[in-house]
Structures are given as C-alpha cells and as structure tokens.
Amino acid sequence: MGKVKKVIILNDKEIEIVTGDITDESTDAIVNAANSHLQHGGGVAAAIIRAGGYEIQRESNEYVKKHGPVPTGQAAVTGAGNLKAKYVIHTVGPVWRGGNNGEEDKLFQAVYNALLRAHELGIESIAMPAISMGIFGFPKDKGTRIMLKAIEKFFKDYPETSVKKVRIVNLFDEMSEEFLKASKEVFGV
C-alpha cells in the first residue's frame, strides 16, 4: 500500500491521493489504463500483467474476442490474477490529440464508467492511476481535474453506492502533486 498524501471526504465517501505502486494495492479492484484491444504492453497495463500474471491478459483476450474492442470511455472487467485485488477494471482513456476531439469528455466517461463497473460489482474500494496522462499524452493539469470531477459526479449520481473509497495511486510524487493541486481547485481543499 502506498503513502497517503491527502484524504478528501465527500459525505461518507473517501478519495485518497496516494504515491505508490498500484499493483501493491489491496483494494477490491484496481483500474488499468487500457487500450481498446486490452493488449497490456506498456505503462500501468504492463506493470499489472507483470505483477498479476498472464491470466489477466488471457481473460482480456477472451473479453475482446467475445465483445469486441472496448470503446474509448468505456470499461471492462477481468479477474486480478495474482494481485491482492479481486478485479481489474480496464478503462479506455483517450489519446490526447490536441483537445478538439472530445478527449475531455472521453476521459470523464472512462473514469465514471470504471466507477460504475465497481458499483455493479458491489465492491467497496478501488484504486486507479492517472488515466491517459502517461503514454496517451493527456495534459496533467486538465486530466487531474477531470478525474476528480468524474469521481465527484459519480458519488452524486450514486449516493447509495457500495463504493466507499477511491484511491488515486501514482508511482511518482510529481503526479500526486498534480492531483493535490487539482483537489484545491475542484474541492477547495
């Protein structure tokens, strides 16, 4: 489990900003920043396969074979292999193409739909990385605010959700600092 930098309370729900390795999280689910074909070759996705085992990739392949590629902004669920979590929620964030191709909306939907899958699974805790802000190139200042707004909206839309804790887990302090800045803008704390 990573080092908690900040806890934000929204009614009876918690958002934690954490510096650590998402593959070490013992939340009920972790979120994978995935591509549409669920081929986990780089970034967080590759780390999840390394830590959780090839079974996650095999389940991902079966999902795509059965349902087709996961559209940007949507999410799919697999088991978590050897990870401490029970599930991996693979959400497809947008590749940044300058901001005029609906990227902000698609990132919002990717975060919201990952939380919706967690709600449908009836789980209490979820850890997610900075979606699209790595190799997909989404600007960190915009992306962090969008992610926090999507979490806030999900909790407003589903006040009775089983999801009580969202941990935003980043490997590097620099990214956690971006989320701390964004939390001041979004929540005033």
C-alpha atoms as a PDB file:
ATOM      1  CA  MET A   1       0.000   0.000   0.000  1.00  0.00           C
ATOM      2  CA  GLY A   2       1.260   3.423  -0.932  1.00  0.00           C
ATOM      3  CA  LYS A   3       1.792   6.574   1.121  1.00  0.00           C
ATOM      4  CA  VAL A   4      -1.392   8.636   1.519  1.00  0.00           C
ATOM      5  CA  LYS A   5      -0.775  12.295   0.663  1.00  0.00           C
ATOM      6  CA  LYS A   6      -4.324  13.553   1.236  1.00  0.00           C
ATOM      7  CA  VAL A   7      -7.784  12.286   2.154  1.00  0.00           C
ATOM      8  CA  ILE A   8     -10.830  14.120   0.805  1.00  0.00           C
ATOM      9  CA  ILE A   9     -14.202  13.306   2.398  1.00  0.00           C
ATOM     10  CA  LEU A  10     -17.365  13.679   0.287  1.00  0.00           C
ATOM     11  CA  ASN A  11     -20.326  12.852   2.526  1.00  0.00           C
ATOM     12  CA  ASP A  12     -19.467   9.321   3.694  1.00  0.00           C
ATOM     13  CA  LYS A  13     -17.035   8.586   0.808  1.00  0.00           C
ATOM     14  CA  GLU A  14     -13.250   8.988   0.705  1.00  0.00           C
ATOM     15  CA  ILE A  15     -10.904   9.984  -2.078  1.00  0.00           C
ATOM     16  CA  GLU A  16      -7.274   9.339  -1.222  1.00  0.00           C
ATOM     17  CA  ILE A  17      -4.333  10.709  -3.174  1.00  0.00           C
ATOM     18  CA  VAL A  18      -1.533   8.187  -2.848  1.00  0.00           C
ATOM     19  CA  THR A  19       2.058   7.784  -4.001  1.00  0.00           C
ATOM     20  CA  GLY A  20       2.803   4.117  -4.534  1.00  0.00           C
ATOM     21  CA  ASP A  21       2.597   1.117  -6.846  1.00  0.00           C
ATOM     22  CA  ILE A  22      -0.979   0.328  -7.898  1.00  0.00           C
ATOM     23  CA  THR A  23      -0.096  -3.357  -8.237  1.00  0.00           C
ATOM     24  CA  ASP A  24       0.539  -3.449  -4.442  1.00  0.00           C
ATOM     25  CA  GLU A  25      -2.916  -2.130  -3.598  1.00  0.00           C
ATOM     26  CA  SER A  26      -5.238  -4.331  -1.546  1.00  0.00           C
ATOM     27  CA  THR A  27      -8.403  -2.549  -2.653  1.00  0.00           C
ATOM     28  CA  ASP A  28     -11.237  -4.718  -4.014  1.00  0.00           C
ATOM     29  CA  ALA A  29     -10.384  -3.592  -7.558  1.00  0.00           C
ATOM     30  CA  ILE A  30      -7.652  -1.734  -9.356  1.00  0.00           C
ATOM     31  CA  VAL A  31      -8.128   0.214 -12.557  1.00  0.00           C
ATOM     32  CA  ASN A  32      -5.957  -0.390 -15.573  1.00  0.00           C
ATOM     33  CA  ALA A  33      -5.442   2.442 -18.051  1.00  0.00           C
ATOM     34  CA  ALA A  34      -6.033   0.255 -21.102  1.00  0.00           C
ATOM     35  CA  ASN A  35      -6.203   0.437 -24.875  1.00  0.00           C
ATOM     36  CA  SER A  36      -9.316  -0.695 -26.781  1.00  0.00           C
ATOM     37  CA  HIS A  37      -7.891  -4.119 -27.623  1.00  0.00           C
ATOM     38  CA  LEU A  38      -6.837  -4.743 -23.994  1.00  0.00           C
ATOM     39  CA  GLN A  39      -3.288  -5.504 -25.079  1.00  0.00           C
ATOM     40  CA  HIS A  40      -1.308  -4.695 -21.960  1.00  0.00           C
ATOM     41  CA  GLY A  41       2.114  -3.889 -23.375  1.00  0.00           C
ATOM     42  CA  GLY A  42       3.205  -0.636 -21.748  1.00  0.00           C
ATOM     43  CA  GLY A  43       2.836   1.682 -18.767  1.00  0.00           C
ATOM     44  CA  VAL A  44       0.472   0.724 -15.934  1.00  0.00           C
ATOM     45  CA  ALA A  45      -1.035  -2.073 -18.053  1.00  0.00           C
ATOM     46  CA  ALA A  46       2.302  -3.858 -18.456  1.00  0.00           C
ATOM     47  CA  ALA A  47       3.034  -3.482 -14.729  1.00  0.00           C
ATOM     48  CA  ILE A  48      -0.325  -5.071 -13.903  1.00  0.00           C
ATOM     49  CA  ILE A  49       0.430  -8.085 -16.133  1.00  0.00           C
ATOM     50  CA  ARG A  50       3.947  -8.443 -14.674  1.00  0.00           C
ATOM     51  CA  ALA A  51       2.608  -8.416 -11.117  1.00  0.00           C
ATOM     52  CA  GLY A  52      -0.702 -10.195 -11.671  1.00  0.00           C
ATOM     53  CA  GLY A  53       0.339 -12.788 -14.222  1.00  0.00           C
ATOM     54  CA  TYR A  54      -0.571 -13.650 -17.782  1.00  0.00           C
ATOM     55  CA  GLU A  55      -4.034 -14.859 -16.694  1.00  0.00           C
ATOM     56  CA  ILE A  56      -5.169 -11.200 -16.779  1.00  0.00           C
ATOM     57  CA  GLN A  57      -4.031 -10.881 -20.414  1.00  0.00           C
ATOM     58  CA  ARG A  58      -5.700 -14.191 -21.289  1.00  0.00           C
ATOM     59  CA  GLU A  59      -9.024 -13.023 -19.765  1.00  0.00           C
ATOM     60  CA  SER A  60      -8.630  -9.697 -21.590  1.00  0.00           C
ATOM     61  CA  ASN A  61      -8.136 -11.512 -24.905  1.00  0.00           C
ATOM     62  CA  GLU A  62     -11.251 -13.604 -24.252  1.00  0.00           C
ATOM     63  CA  TYR A  63     -13.252 -10.465 -23.420  1.00  0.00           C
ATOM     64  CA  VAL A  64     -12.274  -8.766 -26.698  1.00  0.00           C
ATOM     65  CA  LYS A  65     -12.924 -11.947 -28.681  1.00  0.00           C
ATOM     66  CA  LYS A  66     -16.437 -12.181 -27.197  1.00  0.00           C
ATOM     67  CA  HIS A  67     -17.433  -8.483 -27.029  1.00  0.00           C
ATOM     68  CA  GLY A  68     -15.108  -6.726 -29.480  1.00  0.00           C
ATOM     69  CA  PRO A  69     -12.738  -3.847 -28.665  1.00  0.00           C
ATOM     70  CA  VAL A  70     -13.663  -1.675 -25.687  1.00  0.00           C
ATOM     71  CA  PRO A  71     -14.685   1.795 -26.932  1.00  0.00           C
ATOM     72  CA  THR A  72     -12.822   4.829 -25.593  1.00  0.00           C
ATOM     73  CA  GLY A  73     -14.571   5.992 -22.433  1.00  0.00           C
ATOM     74  CA  GLN A  74     -15.860   2.508 -21.559  1.00  0.00           C
ATOM     75  CA  ALA A  75     -14.605  -0.173 -19.169  1.00  0.00           C
ATOM     76  CA  ALA A  76     -14.328  -3.971 -18.992  1.00  0.00           C
ATOM     77  CA  VAL A  77     -13.672  -6.254 -16.011  1.00  0.00           C
ATOM     78  CA  THR A  78     -11.382  -9.260 -15.571  1.00  0.00           C
ATOM     79  CA  GLY A  79     -10.072 -11.160 -12.597  1.00  0.00           C
ATOM     80  CA  ALA A  80      -6.912  -9.908 -10.920  1.00  0.00           C
ATOM     81  CA  GLY A  81      -4.686 -12.959 -11.230  1.00  0.00           C
ATOM     82  CA  ASN A  82      -2.026 -12.906  -8.513  1.00  0.00           C
ATOM     83  CA  LEU A  83      -2.745  -9.336  -7.380  1.00  0.00           C
ATOM     84  CA  LYS A  84      -4.192  -8.568  -3.934  1.00  0.00           C
ATOM     85  CA  ALA A  85      -7.278  -7.047  -5.598  1.00  0.00           C
ATOM     86  CA  LYS A  86     -10.204  -9.233  -6.713  1.00  0.00           C
ATOM     87  CA  TYR A  87     -10.792  -7.454 -10.022  1.00  0.00           C
ATOM     88  CA  VAL A  88      -9.043  -5.375 -12.652  1.00  0.00           C
ATOM     89  CA  ILE A  89     -11.299  -2.789 -14.274  1.00  0.00           C
ATOM     90  CA  HIS A  90      -9.788  -1.943 -17.661  1.00  0.00           C
ATOM     91  CA  THR A  91     -10.888   1.528 -18.689  1.00  0.00           C
ATOM     92  CA  VAL A  92     -10.006   3.029 -22.056  1.00  0.00           C
ATOM     93  CA  GLY A  93      -8.975   6.645 -21.782  1.00  0.00           C
ATOM     94  CA  PRO A  94      -8.416   8.880 -24.790  1.00  0.00           C
ATOM     95  CA  VAL A  95      -5.164   9.563 -26.576  1.00  0.00           C
ATOM     96  CA  TRP A  96      -4.569  13.339 -26.460  1.00  0.00           C
ATOM     97  CA  ARG A  97      -4.860  14.785 -29.971  1.00  0.00           C
ATOM     98  CA  GLY A  98      -4.833  18.483 -29.149  1.00  0.00           C
ATOM     99  CA  GLY A  99      -8.117  18.765 -27.272  1.00  0.00           C
ATOM    100  CA  ASN A 100     -10.552  19.187 -30.164  1.00  0.00           C
ATOM    101  CA  ASN A 101     -11.586  15.534 -30.477  1.00  0.00           C
ATOM    102  CA  GLY A 102     -13.729  15.093 -27.368  1.00  0.00           C
ATOM    103  CA  GLU A 103     -10.775  13.984 -25.236  1.00  0.00           C
ATOM    104  CA  GLU A 104     -12.032  15.709 -22.081  1.00  0.00           C
ATOM    105  CA  ASP A 105     -15.470  14.070 -22.333  1.00  0.00           C
ATOM    106  CA  LYS A 106     -13.919  10.688 -23.061  1.00  0.00           C
ATOM    107  CA  LEU A 107     -11.600  10.884 -20.048  1.00  0.00           C
ATOM    108  CA  PHE A 108     -14.526  11.866 -17.822  1.00  0.00           C
ATOM    109  CA  GLN A 109     -16.505   8.874 -19.149  1.00  0.00           C
ATOM    110  CA  ALA A 110     -13.555   6.482 -18.703  1.00  0.00           C
ATOM    111  CA  VAL A 111     -13.278   7.373 -15.000  1.00  0.00           C
ATOM    112  CA  TYR A 112     -17.054   7.442 -14.440  1.00  0.00           C
ATOM    113  CA  ASN A 113     -17.565   4.085 -16.176  1.00  0.00           C
ATOM    114  CA  ALA A 114     -14.743   2.447 -14.203  1.00  0.00           C
ATOM    115  CA  LEU A 115     -16.547   3.511 -11.024  1.00  0.00           C
ATOM    116  CA  LEU A 116     -19.851   2.294 -12.457  1.00  0.00           C
ATOM    117  CA  ARG A 117     -18.333  -1.177 -13.057  1.00  0.00           C
ATOM    118  CA  ALA A 118     -17.118  -1.157  -9.420  1.00  0.00           C
ATOM    119  CA  HIS A 119     -20.641  -0.226  -8.281  1.00  0.00           C
ATOM    120  CA  GLU A 120     -22.135  -3.039 -10.395  1.00  0.00           C
ATOM    121  CA  LEU A 121     -19.681  -5.481  -8.779  1.00  0.00           C
ATOM    122  CA  GLY A 122     -20.796  -4.311  -5.323  1.00  0.00           C
ATOM    123  CA  ILE A 123     -17.282  -3.564  -4.138  1.00  0.00           C
ATOM    124  CA  GLU A 124     -16.209  -1.018  -1.513  1.00  0.00           C
ATOM    125  CA  SER A 125     -12.744   0.139  -2.571  1.00  0.00           C
ATOM    126  CA  ILE A 126     -10.990   0.876  -5.824  1.00  0.00           C
ATOM    127  CA  ALA A 127      -7.548   2.168  -6.790  1.00  0.00           C
ATOM    128  CA  MET A 128      -6.961   3.996 -10.052  1.00  0.00           C
ATOM    129  CA  PRO A 129      -3.945   5.535 -11.768  1.00  0.00           C
ATOM    130  CA  ALA A 130      -3.712   8.824 -13.663  1.00  0.00           C
ATOM    131  CA  ILE A 131      -5.684   7.683 -16.712  1.00  0.00           C
ATOM    132  CA  SER A 132      -4.417   8.893 -20.129  1.00  0.00           C
ATOM    133  CA  MET A 133      -1.778  11.154 -18.541  1.00  0.00           C
ATOM    134  CA  GLY A 134       1.155   8.844 -19.275  1.00  0.00           C
ATOM    135  CA  ILE A 135       1.871   7.455 -22.730  1.00  0.00           C
ATOM    136  CA  PHE A 136      -1.518   8.726 -24.031  1.00  0.00           C
ATOM    137  CA  GLY A 137      -0.247  12.313 -23.509  1.00  0.00           C
ATOM    138  CA  PHE A 138      -3.261  13.929 -21.797  1.00  0.00           C
ATOM    139  CA  PRO A 139      -2.177  17.213 -20.107  1.00  0.00           C
ATOM    140  CA  LYS A 140      -1.786  16.529 -16.401  1.00  0.00           C
ATOM    141  CA  ASP A 141      -3.391  19.765 -15.146  1.00  0.00           C
ATOM    142  CA  LYS A 142      -6.576  19.152 -17.158  1.00  0.00           C
ATOM    143  CA  GLY A 143      -6.632  15.395 -16.625  1.00  0.00           C
ATOM    144  CA  THR A 144      -6.347  15.523 -12.841  1.00  0.00           C
ATOM    145  CA  ARG A 145      -9.251  17.994 -12.570  1.00  0.00           C
ATOM    146  CA  ILE A 146     -11.402  15.906 -14.929  1.00  0.00           C
ATOM    147  CA  MET A 147     -10.724  12.721 -12.977  1.00  0.00           C
ATOM    148  CA  LEU A 148     -11.684  14.353  -9.664  1.00  0.00           C
ATOM    149  CA  LYS A 149     -14.840  15.877 -11.182  1.00  0.00           C
ATOM    150  CA  ALA A 150     -15.852  12.470 -12.587  1.00  0.00           C
ATOM    151  CA  ILE A 151     -15.435  10.862  -9.157  1.00  0.00           C
ATOM    152  CA  GLU A 152     -17.441  13.657  -7.539  1.00  0.00           C
ATOM    153  CA  LYS A 153     -20.234  13.311 -10.133  1.00  0.00           C
ATOM    154  CA  PHE A 154     -20.346   9.526  -9.707  1.00  0.00           C
ATOM    155  CA  PHE A 155     -20.787   9.900  -5.935  1.00  0.00           C
ATOM    156  CA  LYS A 156     -23.561  12.496  -6.506  1.00  0.00           C
ATOM    157  CA  ASP A 157     -25.338  10.246  -9.009  1.00  0.00           C
ATOM    158  CA  TYR A 158     -24.989   7.106  -6.837  1.00  0.00           C
ATOM    159  CA  PRO A 159     -25.209   8.240  -3.194  1.00  0.00           C
ATOM    160  CA  GLU A 160     -26.067   4.694  -2.054  1.00  0.00           C
ATOM    161  CA  THR A 161     -23.189   3.034  -3.948  1.00  0.00           C
ATOM    162  CA  SER A 162     -21.187   0.248  -2.331  1.00  0.00           C
ATOM    163  CA  VAL A 163     -18.022   2.154  -3.360  1.00  0.00           C
ATOM    164  CA  LYS A 164     -16.810   3.968  -0.251  1.00  0.00           C
ATOM    165  CA  LYS A 165     -13.153   4.617  -1.087  1.00  0.00           C
ATOM    166  CA  VAL A 166     -11.331   5.694  -4.255  1.00  0.00           C
ATOM    167  CA  ARG A 167      -7.541   5.679  -4.046  1.00  0.00           C
ATOM    168  CA  ILE A 168      -5.779   7.620  -6.819  1.00  0.00           C
ATOM    169  CA  VAL A 169      -2.419   5.875  -6.893  1.00  0.00           C
ATOM    170  CA  ASN A 170       0.601   7.285  -8.700  1.00  0.00           C
ATOM    171  CA  LEU A 171       4.073   5.835  -8.815  1.00  0.00           C
ATOM    172  CA  PHE A 172       5.715   9.267  -8.697  1.00  0.00           C
ATOM    173  CA  ASP A 173       5.276  12.144  -6.236  1.00  0.00           C
ATOM    174  CA  GLU A 174       5.150  14.595  -9.157  1.00  0.00           C
ATOM    175  CA  MET A 175       1.831  13.122 -10.336  1.00  0.00           C
ATOM    176  CA  SER A 176       0.433  13.018  -6.802  1.00  0.00           C
ATOM    177  CA  GLU A 177       1.325  16.719  -6.501  1.00  0.00           C
ATOM    178  CA  GLU A 178      -0.728  17.422  -9.652  1.00  0.00           C
ATOM    179  CA  PHE A 179      -3.730  15.733  -8.002  1.00  0.00           C
ATOM    180  CA  LEU A 180      -3.167  17.752  -4.813  1.00  0.00           C
ATOM    181  CA  LYS A 181      -3.271  20.977  -6.858  1.00  0.00           C
ATOM    182  CA  ALA A 182      -6.394  19.820  -8.677  1.00  0.00           C
ATOM    183  CA  SER A 183      -8.126  18.902  -5.395  1.00  0.00           C
ATOM    184  CA  LYS A 184      -7.762  22.516  -4.260  1.00  0.00           C
ATOM    185  CA  GLU A 185      -9.442  23.713  -7.460  1.00  0.00           C
ATOM    186  CA  VAL A 186     -12.196  21.079  -7.538  1.00  0.00           C
ATOM    187  CA  PHE A 187     -12.981  20.668  -3.814  1.00  0.00           C
ATOM    188  CA  GLY A 188     -11.389  23.749  -2.269  1.00  0.00           C
ATOM    189  CA  VAL A 189      -9.211  21.561  -0.017  1.00  0.00           C
END
